[in-house]
Amino acid sequence: MTSDGIQARPLAARERAAARARVRAAAPANLLLLDMVDHLDEPPPPAEPAPVVMGLWSGRELAGVGSLRPCVMLDSGVSDAVLDAFLPLLEPLGSGLVKTDERSGGAVARALARLGRHILVDRRETVLVRPSSPPPEDAAPGLARRARRDDHPALVEAARASLREEGRPDPFDTDPEGFRRWVAGRMSRALVVEEDGRVAFVGYADVRRKEGWLLQGVYTWPAFRRRGLARQGVATLCAAAAEAGAAHVQLTVVEGNVAAERLYAGLGFAAVGRVRTLLFAPR
């Protein structure tokens, strides 16, 4: 497939070094895409589709890298010609999740509208980054530990509650076993904080690389909020990243979530950009 001289094709094994070098040049903006490129040969996590990563070429020069599955992403800073060549690749996608920079996200949203897709979620998120160093030690209100197998029901509950709070559809309603498998597949990356014998906080270090750690799925049960448990949990993950030698820790916050912004600012996170998240399905 070509557009203005740009050719888009699935990323071949021999091309991955070039793709890795390109996206690593802006690691905080491309961390999830970088990790996807590095793990293309591995089986996908439970209940997730196999990744589909595309290279966009101008002659012999790699001009862009994008993914279609498990989510739609495009590396930051691509030219308009590369963006135009990427958009037609969306046509076969009936549903999916988009998570990319604001400029590309706007173009993707318009392309999905032309294709007749229904946008279920459309939100902006701020990318926050913290240099990897141990955070200040505070009094620990709870017990921070790695997730165990017996935490699974609680983490399923947390994942569903988080989706509801964000106004997103709950996949559990249509595929409960698949949703449980998806949560189980992430548990090795989860840290929990418990209080009074109950899991009260969970956060996932979904990407753990020397270039940086990416935290996702941060959630505190409503009954345990404003007790310092989220601060403890995120600080513990930041300390683990520093111990592992990661260059930074990053996460995103939904625009307007003032409480979360204050929490992360107090832990040394600073805004470096914004992303647009879209969830789409057939009409």
C-alpha atoms as a PDB file:
ATOM      1  CA  MET A   1       0.000   0.000   0.000  1.00  0.00           C
ATOM      2  CA  THR A   2       1.459   3.409  -0.981  1.00  0.00           C
ATOM      3  CA  SER A   3       0.633   7.060  -0.398  1.00  0.00           C
ATOM      4  CA  ASP A   4       2.817   9.892  -1.746  1.00  0.00           C
ATOM      5  CA  GLY A   5       5.721   7.508  -2.105  1.00  0.00           C
ATOM      6  CA  ILE A   6       5.308   5.968   1.367  1.00  0.00           C
ATOM      7  CA  GLN A   7       4.976   2.193   1.425  1.00  0.00           C
ATOM      8  CA  ALA A   8       3.334   0.477   4.421  1.00  0.00           C
ATOM      9  CA  ARG A   9       4.008  -3.189   5.125  1.00  0.00           C
ATOM     10  CA  PRO A  10       4.182  -5.511   8.148  1.00  0.00           C
ATOM     11  CA  LEU A  11       7.498  -5.128   9.931  1.00  0.00           C
ATOM     12  CA  ALA A  12       9.828  -7.979   8.939  1.00  0.00           C
ATOM     13  CA  ALA A  13      12.286  -9.532  11.374  1.00  0.00           C
ATOM     14  CA  ARG A  14      15.273  -8.054   9.536  1.00  0.00           C
ATOM     15  CA  GLU A  15      13.728  -4.574   9.851  1.00  0.00           C
ATOM     16  CA  ARG A  16      13.216  -4.585  13.591  1.00  0.00           C
ATOM     17  CA  ALA A  17      16.615  -3.124  14.466  1.00  0.00           C
ATOM     18  CA  ALA A  18      15.823  -0.046  12.377  1.00  0.00           C
ATOM     19  CA  ALA A  19      12.360   0.202  13.933  1.00  0.00           C
ATOM     20  CA  ARG A  20      13.803  -0.150  17.416  1.00  0.00           C
ATOM     21  CA  ALA A  21      16.346   2.599  16.787  1.00  0.00           C
ATOM     22  CA  ARG A  22      13.696   4.938  15.421  1.00  0.00           C
ATOM     23  CA  VAL A  23      11.211   4.637  18.266  1.00  0.00           C
ATOM     24  CA  ARG A  24      13.912   4.544  20.957  1.00  0.00           C
ATOM     25  CA  ALA A  25      15.040   8.032  19.893  1.00  0.00           C
ATOM     26  CA  ALA A  26      11.907   9.396  21.598  1.00  0.00           C
ATOM     27  CA  ALA A  27      11.463   6.711  24.247  1.00  0.00           C
ATOM     28  CA  PRO A  28       9.006   8.479  26.590  1.00  0.00           C
ATOM     29  CA  ALA A  29       6.615   9.067  23.686  1.00  0.00           C
ATOM     30  CA  ASN A  30       7.095   5.627  22.154  1.00  0.00           C
ATOM     31  CA  LEU A  31       7.750   3.313  25.096  1.00  0.00           C
ATOM     32  CA  LEU A  32       4.793   0.991  24.536  1.00  0.00           C
ATOM     33  CA  LEU A  33       5.491   0.769  20.801  1.00  0.00           C
ATOM     34  CA  LEU A  34       9.180   0.082  21.475  1.00  0.00           C
ATOM     35  CA  ASP A  35       8.275  -2.758  23.801  1.00  0.00           C
ATOM     36  CA  MET A  36       5.876  -4.183  21.218  1.00  0.00           C
ATOM     37  CA  VAL A  37       8.570  -4.218  18.528  1.00  0.00           C
ATOM     38  CA  ASP A  38      10.932  -6.067  20.861  1.00  0.00           C
ATOM     39  CA  HIS A  39       8.361  -8.781  21.684  1.00  0.00           C
ATOM     40  CA  LEU A  40       6.888  -9.466  18.250  1.00  0.00           C
ATOM     41  CA  ASP A  41       8.081 -13.087  18.251  1.00  0.00           C
ATOM     42  CA  GLU A  42       6.553 -13.909  21.642  1.00  0.00           C
ATOM     43  CA  PRO A  43       3.035 -15.321  22.166  1.00  0.00           C
ATOM     44  CA  PRO A  44       0.561 -12.551  23.017  1.00  0.00           C
ATOM     45  CA  PRO A  45      -0.779 -12.267  26.564  1.00  0.00           C
ATOM     46  CA  PRO A  46      -3.982 -14.196  27.331  1.00  0.00           C
ATOM     47  CA  ALA A  47      -7.135 -12.770  25.719  1.00  0.00           C
ATOM     48  CA  GLU A  48      -5.138 -10.357  23.527  1.00  0.00           C
ATOM     49  CA  PRO A  49      -4.681 -10.560  19.743  1.00  0.00           C
ATOM     50  CA  ALA A  50      -1.265 -11.129  18.224  1.00  0.00           C
ATOM     51  CA  PRO A  51       0.480  -7.789  17.644  1.00  0.00           C
ATOM     52  CA  VAL A  52       0.468  -6.253  14.177  1.00  0.00           C
ATOM     53  CA  VAL A  53       3.275  -3.719  13.659  1.00  0.00           C
ATOM     54  CA  MET A  54       3.775  -1.875  10.386  1.00  0.00           C
ATOM     55  CA  GLY A  55       6.826  -0.203   8.929  1.00  0.00           C
ATOM     56  CA  LEU A  56       6.252   2.860   6.750  1.00  0.00           C
ATOM     57  CA  TRP A  57       9.026   3.315   4.223  1.00  0.00           C
ATOM     58  CA  SER A  58      10.168   6.147   1.975  1.00  0.00           C
ATOM     59  CA  GLY A  59      12.365   4.197  -0.388  1.00  0.00           C
ATOM     60  CA  ARG A  60      14.917   2.478   1.836  1.00  0.00           C
ATOM     61  CA  GLU A  61      14.410   4.880   4.719  1.00  0.00           C
ATOM     62  CA  LEU A  62      12.144   3.878   7.589  1.00  0.00           C
ATOM     63  CA  ALA A  63       9.942   6.950   7.929  1.00  0.00           C
ATOM     64  CA  GLY A  64       7.553   5.669  10.592  1.00  0.00           C
ATOM     65  CA  VAL A  65       6.427   2.749  12.739  1.00  0.00           C
ATOM     66  CA  GLY A  66       2.826   2.034  13.670  1.00  0.00           C
ATOM     67  CA  SER A  67       0.760  -0.724  15.237  1.00  0.00           C
ATOM     68  CA  LEU A  68      -2.780  -1.901  14.525  1.00  0.00           C
ATOM     69  CA  ARG A  69      -3.105  -4.558  17.235  1.00  0.00           C
ATOM     70  CA  PRO A  70      -3.468  -4.893  20.177  1.00  0.00           C
ATOM     71  CA  CYS A  71      -3.943  -1.129  19.920  1.00  0.00           C
ATOM     72  CA  VAL A  72      -3.492   1.533  17.264  1.00  0.00           C
ATOM     73  CA  MET A  73      -0.323   3.586  17.797  1.00  0.00           C
ATOM     74  CA  LEU A  74       1.968   5.645  15.605  1.00  0.00           C
ATOM     75  CA  ASP A  75       5.428   6.783  16.610  1.00  0.00           C
ATOM     76  CA  SER A  76       5.700  10.446  17.498  1.00  0.00           C
ATOM     77  CA  GLY A  77       6.905  13.066  15.071  1.00  0.00           C
ATOM     78  CA  VAL A  78       6.001  11.343  11.779  1.00  0.00           C
ATOM     79  CA  SER A  79       5.464  13.460   8.690  1.00  0.00           C
ATOM     80  CA  ASP A  80       2.062  14.246   7.207  1.00  0.00           C
ATOM     81  CA  ALA A  81       2.855  11.876   4.317  1.00  0.00           C
ATOM     82  CA  VAL A  82       3.519   9.005   6.730  1.00  0.00           C
ATOM     83  CA  LEU A  83       0.341   9.760   8.659  1.00  0.00           C
ATOM     84  CA  ASP A  84      -1.640   9.802   5.407  1.00  0.00           C
ATOM     85  CA  ALA A  85      -0.168   6.419   4.435  1.00  0.00           C
ATOM     86  CA  PHE A  86      -1.030   4.935   7.828  1.00  0.00           C
ATOM     87  CA  LEU A  87      -4.695   5.952   7.949  1.00  0.00           C
ATOM     88  CA  PRO A  88      -5.961   3.583   5.194  1.00  0.00           C
ATOM     89  CA  LEU A  89      -4.642   0.677   7.283  1.00  0.00           C
ATOM     90  CA  LEU A  90      -7.510   1.325   9.706  1.00  0.00           C
ATOM     91  CA  GLU A  91     -10.208   0.285   7.227  1.00  0.00           C
ATOM     92  CA  PRO A  92     -10.264  -3.463   8.116  1.00  0.00           C
ATOM     93  CA  LEU A  93     -10.493  -2.718  11.843  1.00  0.00           C
ATOM     94  CA  GLY A  94     -14.058  -3.002  13.043  1.00  0.00           C
ATOM     95  CA  SER A  95     -13.220  -2.205  16.639  1.00  0.00           C
ATOM     96  CA  GLY A  96     -10.195  -1.362  18.691  1.00  0.00           C
ATOM     97  CA  LEU A  97      -8.306   0.976  20.979  1.00  0.00           C
ATOM     98  CA  VAL A  98      -6.254   3.950  19.813  1.00  0.00           C
ATOM     99  CA  LYS A  99      -3.510   5.425  21.983  1.00  0.00           C
ATOM    100  CA  THR A 100      -1.281   7.893  20.212  1.00  0.00           C
ATOM    101  CA  ASP A 101      -0.109  11.506  20.301  1.00  0.00           C
ATOM    102  CA  GLU A 102      -2.688  14.263  19.930  1.00  0.00           C
ATOM    103  CA  ARG A 103      -1.845  15.167  16.338  1.00  0.00           C
ATOM    104  CA  SER A 104      -2.037  11.590  15.070  1.00  0.00           C
ATOM    105  CA  GLY A 105      -5.033  10.905  17.317  1.00  0.00           C
ATOM    106  CA  GLY A 106      -7.026  13.692  15.709  1.00  0.00           C
ATOM    107  CA  ALA A 107      -6.317  12.349  12.221  1.00  0.00           C
ATOM    108  CA  VAL A 108      -7.220   8.810  13.329  1.00  0.00           C
ATOM    109  CA  ALA A 109     -10.492  10.026  14.856  1.00  0.00           C
ATOM    110  CA  ARG A 110     -11.463  11.741  11.603  1.00  0.00           C
ATOM    111  CA  ALA A 111     -10.541   8.651   9.571  1.00  0.00           C
ATOM    112  CA  LEU A 112     -12.637   6.413  11.832  1.00  0.00           C
ATOM    113  CA  ALA A 113     -15.579   8.775  11.458  1.00  0.00           C
ATOM    114  CA  ARG A 114     -15.291   8.559   7.656  1.00  0.00           C
ATOM    115  CA  LEU A 115     -15.245   4.762   7.955  1.00  0.00           C
ATOM    116  CA  GLY A 116     -18.490   4.860   9.926  1.00  0.00           C
ATOM    117  CA  ARG A 117     -17.059   3.647  13.207  1.00  0.00           C
ATOM    118  CA  HIS A 118     -18.740   4.542  16.485  1.00  0.00           C
ATOM    119  CA  ILE A 119     -16.409   6.322  18.927  1.00  0.00           C
ATOM    120  CA  LEU A 120     -17.279   4.960  22.378  1.00  0.00           C
ATOM    121  CA  VAL A 121     -14.527   6.815  24.280  1.00  0.00           C
ATOM    122  CA  ASP A 122     -12.598   9.920  23.245  1.00  0.00           C
ATOM    123  CA  ARG A 123     -10.334  11.466  25.834  1.00  0.00           C
ATOM    124  CA  ARG A 124      -7.093  13.342  26.252  1.00  0.00           C
ATOM    125  CA  GLU A 125      -4.451  12.218  28.709  1.00  0.00           C
ATOM    126  CA  THR A 126      -1.336  13.938  30.020  1.00  0.00           C
ATOM    127  CA  VAL A 127       1.921  11.986  29.856  1.00  0.00           C
ATOM    128  CA  LEU A 128       3.819  12.293  33.142  1.00  0.00           C
ATOM    129  CA  VAL A 129       7.467  11.286  33.518  1.00  0.00           C
ATOM    130  CA  ARG A 130       9.671  10.967  36.580  1.00  0.00           C
ATOM    131  CA  PRO A 131      13.461  10.441  36.418  1.00  0.00           C
ATOM    132  CA  SER A 132      14.265   7.050  37.876  1.00  0.00           C
ATOM    133  CA  SER A 133      15.479   7.617  41.417  1.00  0.00           C
ATOM    134  CA  PRO A 134      14.150   6.414  44.762  1.00  0.00           C
ATOM    135  CA  PRO A 135      11.247   8.621  45.888  1.00  0.00           C
ATOM    136  CA  PRO A 136      11.122  10.146  49.379  1.00  0.00           C
ATOM    137  CA  GLU A 137      10.317   7.553  52.023  1.00  0.00           C
ATOM    138  CA  ASP A 138       7.029   8.210  53.789  1.00  0.00           C
ATOM    139  CA  ALA A 139       5.279   6.363  56.562  1.00  0.00           C
ATOM    140  CA  ALA A 140       3.768   3.261  54.957  1.00  0.00           C
ATOM    141  CA  PRO A 141       0.012   3.079  55.680  1.00  0.00           C
ATOM    142  CA  GLY A 142      -0.379  -0.386  54.170  1.00  0.00           C
ATOM    143  CA  LEU A 143       1.508  -3.483  53.097  1.00  0.00           C
ATOM    144  CA  ALA A 144       2.924  -3.226  49.561  1.00  0.00           C
ATOM    145  CA  ARG A 145       3.659  -6.541  47.853  1.00  0.00           C
ATOM    146  CA  ARG A 146       3.548  -8.342  44.528  1.00  0.00           C
ATOM    147  CA  ALA A 147       0.168  -9.686  43.518  1.00  0.00           C
ATOM    148  CA  ARG A 148      -0.566 -13.326  44.388  1.00  0.00           C
ATOM    149  CA  ARG A 149      -2.832 -15.853  42.728  1.00  0.00           C
ATOM    150  CA  ASP A 150      -5.480 -15.410  45.400  1.00  0.00           C
ATOM    151  CA  ASP A 151      -5.690 -11.675  44.546  1.00  0.00           C
ATOM    152  CA  HIS A 152      -7.195 -12.496  41.154  1.00  0.00           C
ATOM    153  CA  PRO A 153     -10.890 -11.922  42.052  1.00  0.00           C
ATOM    154  CA  ALA A 154     -10.047  -8.559  43.611  1.00  0.00           C
ATOM    155  CA  LEU A 155      -8.035  -7.470  40.572  1.00  0.00           C
ATOM    156  CA  VAL A 156     -10.865  -8.470  38.236  1.00  0.00           C
ATOM    157  CA  GLU A 157     -13.155  -6.331  40.378  1.00  0.00           C
ATOM    158  CA  ALA A 158     -10.699  -3.409  40.226  1.00  0.00           C
ATOM    159  CA  ALA A 159     -10.317  -3.624  36.450  1.00  0.00           C
ATOM    160  CA  ARG A 160     -14.084  -3.579  35.961  1.00  0.00           C
ATOM    161  CA  ALA A 161     -14.592  -0.720  38.411  1.00  0.00           C
ATOM    162  CA  SER A 162     -11.887   1.331  36.718  1.00  0.00           C
ATOM    163  CA  LEU A 163     -13.546   0.897  33.322  1.00  0.00           C
ATOM    164  CA  ARG A 164     -16.900   1.972  34.744  1.00  0.00           C
ATOM    165  CA  GLU A 165     -15.378   5.078  36.345  1.00  0.00           C
ATOM    166  CA  GLU A 166     -13.831   6.000  32.998  1.00  0.00           C
ATOM    167  CA  GLY A 167     -17.142   5.538  31.194  1.00  0.00           C
ATOM    168  CA  ARG A 168     -15.794   2.647  29.122  1.00  0.00           C
ATOM    169  CA  PRO A 169     -17.704  -0.527  28.188  1.00  0.00           C
ATOM    170  CA  ASP A 170     -17.127  -3.523  30.456  1.00  0.00           C
ATOM    171  CA  PRO A 171     -15.901  -6.534  28.401  1.00  0.00           C
ATOM    172  CA  PHE A 172     -16.759  -8.801  31.334  1.00  0.00           C
ATOM    173  CA  ASP A 173     -20.436  -8.478  30.432  1.00  0.00           C
ATOM    174  CA  THR A 174     -19.936 -10.268  27.101  1.00  0.00           C
ATOM    175  CA  ASP A 175     -16.871 -12.427  27.789  1.00  0.00           C
ATOM    176  CA  PRO A 176     -16.338 -13.000  31.523  1.00  0.00           C
ATOM    177  CA  GLU A 177     -13.863 -15.857  31.100  1.00  0.00           C
ATOM    178  CA  GLY A 178     -11.826 -13.927  28.548  1.00  0.00           C
ATOM    179  CA  PHE A 179     -11.715 -10.919  30.855  1.00  0.00           C
ATOM    180  CA  ARG A 180     -10.568 -13.077  33.762  1.00  0.00           C
ATOM    181  CA  ARG A 181      -7.803 -14.545  31.570  1.00  0.00           C
ATOM    182  CA  TRP A 182      -6.732 -11.054  30.535  1.00  0.00           C
ATOM    183  CA  VAL A 183      -6.397  -9.952  34.159  1.00  0.00           C
ATOM    184  CA  ALA A 184      -4.582 -13.183  35.060  1.00  0.00           C
ATOM    185  CA  GLY A 185      -2.102 -12.551  32.255  1.00  0.00           C
ATOM    186  CA  ARG A 186      -1.124  -9.204  33.787  1.00  0.00           C
ATOM    187  CA  MET A 187      -0.790 -10.313  37.395  1.00  0.00           C
ATOM    188  CA  SER A 188       2.955 -10.948  37.227  1.00  0.00           C
ATOM    189  CA  ARG A 189       3.355  -7.204  36.576  1.00  0.00           C
ATOM    190  CA  ALA A 190       1.027  -6.096  39.382  1.00  0.00           C
ATOM    191  CA  LEU A 191       1.841  -4.563  42.752  1.00  0.00           C
ATOM    192  CA  VAL A 192      -0.862  -4.322  45.404  1.00  0.00           C
ATOM    193  CA  VAL A 193      -1.167  -2.537  48.711  1.00  0.00           C
ATOM    194  CA  GLU A 194      -3.364  -4.129  51.323  1.00  0.00           C
ATOM    195  CA  GLU A 195      -4.848  -2.641  54.447  1.00  0.00           C
ATOM    196  CA  ASP A 196      -6.746  -4.488  57.135  1.00  0.00           C
ATOM    197  CA  GLY A 197      -6.197  -7.706  55.176  1.00  0.00           C
ATOM    198  CA  ARG A 198      -7.906  -6.386  52.034  1.00  0.00           C
ATOM    199  CA  VAL A 199      -6.383  -5.411  48.711  1.00  0.00           C
ATOM    200  CA  ALA A 200      -6.885  -1.643  48.548  1.00  0.00           C
ATOM    201  CA  PHE A 201      -4.624  -0.510  45.688  1.00  0.00           C
ATOM    202  CA  VAL A 202      -3.257  -2.046  42.498  1.00  0.00           C
ATOM    203  CA  GLY A 203      -0.833  -0.756  39.869  1.00  0.00           C
ATOM    204  CA  TYR A 204       0.782  -2.523  36.920  1.00  0.00           C
ATOM    205  CA  ALA A 205       4.294  -1.993  35.572  1.00  0.00           C
ATOM    206  CA  ASP A 206       3.251  -3.153  32.107  1.00  0.00           C
ATOM    207  CA  VAL A 207       6.518  -2.144  30.441  1.00  0.00           C
ATOM    208  CA  ARG A 208       9.817  -2.676  32.246  1.00  0.00           C
ATOM    209  CA  ARG A 209      12.787  -1.590  30.144  1.00  0.00           C
ATOM    210  CA  LYS A 210      16.073   0.190  30.735  1.00  0.00           C
ATOM    211  CA  GLU A 211      14.626   3.053  28.649  1.00  0.00           C
ATOM    212  CA  GLY A 212      11.769   3.376  31.126  1.00  0.00           C
ATOM    213  CA  TRP A 213       8.926   1.746  33.035  1.00  0.00           C
ATOM    214  CA  LEU A 214       5.312   2.343  32.040  1.00  0.00           C
ATOM    215  CA  LEU A 215       2.703   2.197  34.800  1.00  0.00           C
ATOM    216  CA  GLN A 216      -0.922   1.465  33.915  1.00  0.00           C
ATOM    217  CA  GLY A 217      -4.085   0.271  35.610  1.00  0.00           C
ATOM    218  CA  VAL A 218      -3.456   2.311  38.771  1.00  0.00           C
ATOM    219  CA  TYR A 219      -6.567   1.989  40.933  1.00  0.00           C
ATOM    220  CA  THR A 220      -7.504   2.500  44.572  1.00  0.00           C
ATOM    221  CA  TRP A 221     -10.743   1.047  45.952  1.00  0.00           C
ATOM    222  CA  PRO A 222     -13.123   3.931  46.860  1.00  0.00           C
ATOM    223  CA  ALA A 223     -13.371   2.914  50.519  1.00  0.00           C
ATOM    224  CA  PHE A 224      -9.582   3.248  50.865  1.00  0.00           C
ATOM    225  CA  ARG A 225      -8.979   6.546  49.091  1.00  0.00           C
ATOM    226  CA  ARG A 226      -7.295   9.565  50.701  1.00  0.00           C
ATOM    227  CA  ARG A 227      -5.245   7.355  53.031  1.00  0.00           C
ATOM    228  CA  GLY A 228      -1.925   7.548  51.189  1.00  0.00           C
ATOM    229  CA  LEU A 229      -2.171   4.054  49.700  1.00  0.00           C
ATOM    230  CA  ALA A 230      -1.891   5.207  46.078  1.00  0.00           C
ATOM    231  CA  ARG A 231       1.149   7.288  46.961  1.00  0.00           C
ATOM    232  CA  GLN A 232       2.703   4.292  48.687  1.00  0.00           C
ATOM    233  CA  GLY A 233       1.975   1.959  45.788  1.00  0.00           C
ATOM    234  CA  VAL A 234       3.292   4.275  43.066  1.00  0.00           C
ATOM    235  CA  ALA A 235       6.348   5.172  45.170  1.00  0.00           C
ATOM    236  CA  THR A 236       7.090   1.460  45.610  1.00  0.00           C
ATOM    237  CA  LEU A 237       6.919   0.930  41.850  1.00  0.00           C
ATOM    238  CA  CYS A 238       9.199   3.938  41.282  1.00  0.00           C
ATOM    239  CA  ALA A 239      11.718   2.522  43.757  1.00  0.00           C
ATOM    240  CA  ALA A 240      11.630  -0.847  41.950  1.00  0.00           C
ATOM    241  CA  ALA A 241      12.268   0.895  38.622  1.00  0.00           C
ATOM    242  CA  ALA A 242      15.247   2.739  40.066  1.00  0.00           C
ATOM    243  CA  GLU A 243      16.644  -0.489  41.491  1.00  0.00           C
ATOM    244  CA  ALA A 244      16.246  -2.149  38.073  1.00  0.00           C
ATOM    245  CA  GLY A 245      18.214   0.663  36.391  1.00  0.00           C
ATOM    246  CA  ALA A 246      15.356   2.163  34.377  1.00  0.00           C
ATOM    247  CA  ALA A 247      15.954   5.650  33.008  1.00  0.00           C
ATOM    248  CA  HIS A 248      12.528   6.934  34.023  1.00  0.00           C
ATOM    249  CA  VAL A 249       8.994   6.004  35.086  1.00  0.00           C
ATOM    250  CA  GLN A 250       5.975   7.225  33.140  1.00  0.00           C
ATOM    251  CA  LEU A 251       2.194   7.061  33.207  1.00  0.00           C
ATOM    252  CA  THR A 252      -0.776   8.988  31.854  1.00  0.00           C
ATOM    253  CA  VAL A 253      -3.529  10.864  33.665  1.00  0.00           C
ATOM    254  CA  VAL A 254      -6.926  11.622  32.176  1.00  0.00           C
ATOM    255  CA  GLU A 255      -7.258  15.343  31.580  1.00  0.00           C
ATOM    256  CA  GLY A 256      -9.091  16.983  34.470  1.00  0.00           C
ATOM    257  CA  ASN A 257      -8.208  14.392  37.135  1.00  0.00           C
ATOM    258  CA  VAL A 258      -6.838  16.993  39.529  1.00  0.00           C
ATOM    259  CA  ALA A 259      -6.423  14.612  42.469  1.00  0.00           C
ATOM    260  CA  ALA A 260      -4.227  12.276  40.435  1.00  0.00           C
ATOM    261  CA  GLU A 261      -2.193  15.184  39.049  1.00  0.00           C
ATOM    262  CA  ARG A 262      -1.478  16.384  42.591  1.00  0.00           C
ATOM    263  CA  LEU A 263      -0.525  12.889  43.722  1.00  0.00           C
ATOM    264  CA  TYR A 264       1.991  12.423  40.916  1.00  0.00           C
ATOM    265  CA  ALA A 265       3.384  15.948  41.179  1.00  0.00           C
ATOM    266  CA  GLY A 266       4.110  15.212  44.835  1.00  0.00           C
ATOM    267  CA  LEU A 267       6.121  12.168  43.726  1.00  0.00           C
ATOM    268  CA  GLY A 268       8.213  14.159  41.250  1.00  0.00           C
ATOM    269  CA  PHE A 269       6.353  13.489  37.995  1.00  0.00           C
ATOM    270  CA  ALA A 270       6.211  16.250  35.374  1.00  0.00           C
ATOM    271  CA  ALA A 271       4.125  16.612  32.210  1.00  0.00           C
ATOM    272  CA  VAL A 272       5.970  15.995  28.931  1.00  0.00           C
ATOM    273  CA  GLY A 273       3.113  15.720  26.424  1.00  0.00           C
ATOM    274  CA  ARG A 274      -0.397  14.536  25.746  1.00  0.00           C
ATOM    275  CA  VAL A 275      -1.964  11.508  24.117  1.00  0.00           C
ATOM    276  CA  ARG A 276      -5.421  10.862  22.749  1.00  0.00           C
ATOM    277  CA  THR A 277      -7.243   7.653  23.600  1.00  0.00           C
ATOM    278  CA  LEU A 278     -10.101   6.402  21.447  1.00  0.00           C
ATOM    279  CA  LEU A 279     -12.216   3.292  21.787  1.00  0.00           C
ATOM    280  CA  PHE A 280     -14.169   2.478  18.631  1.00  0.00           C
ATOM    281  CA  ALA A 281     -16.623  -0.149  17.412  1.00  0.00           C
ATOM    282  CA  PRO A 282     -18.969  -0.738  14.460  1.00  0.00           C
ATOM    283  CA  ARG A 283     -22.137   1.341  14.403  1.00  0.00           C
END
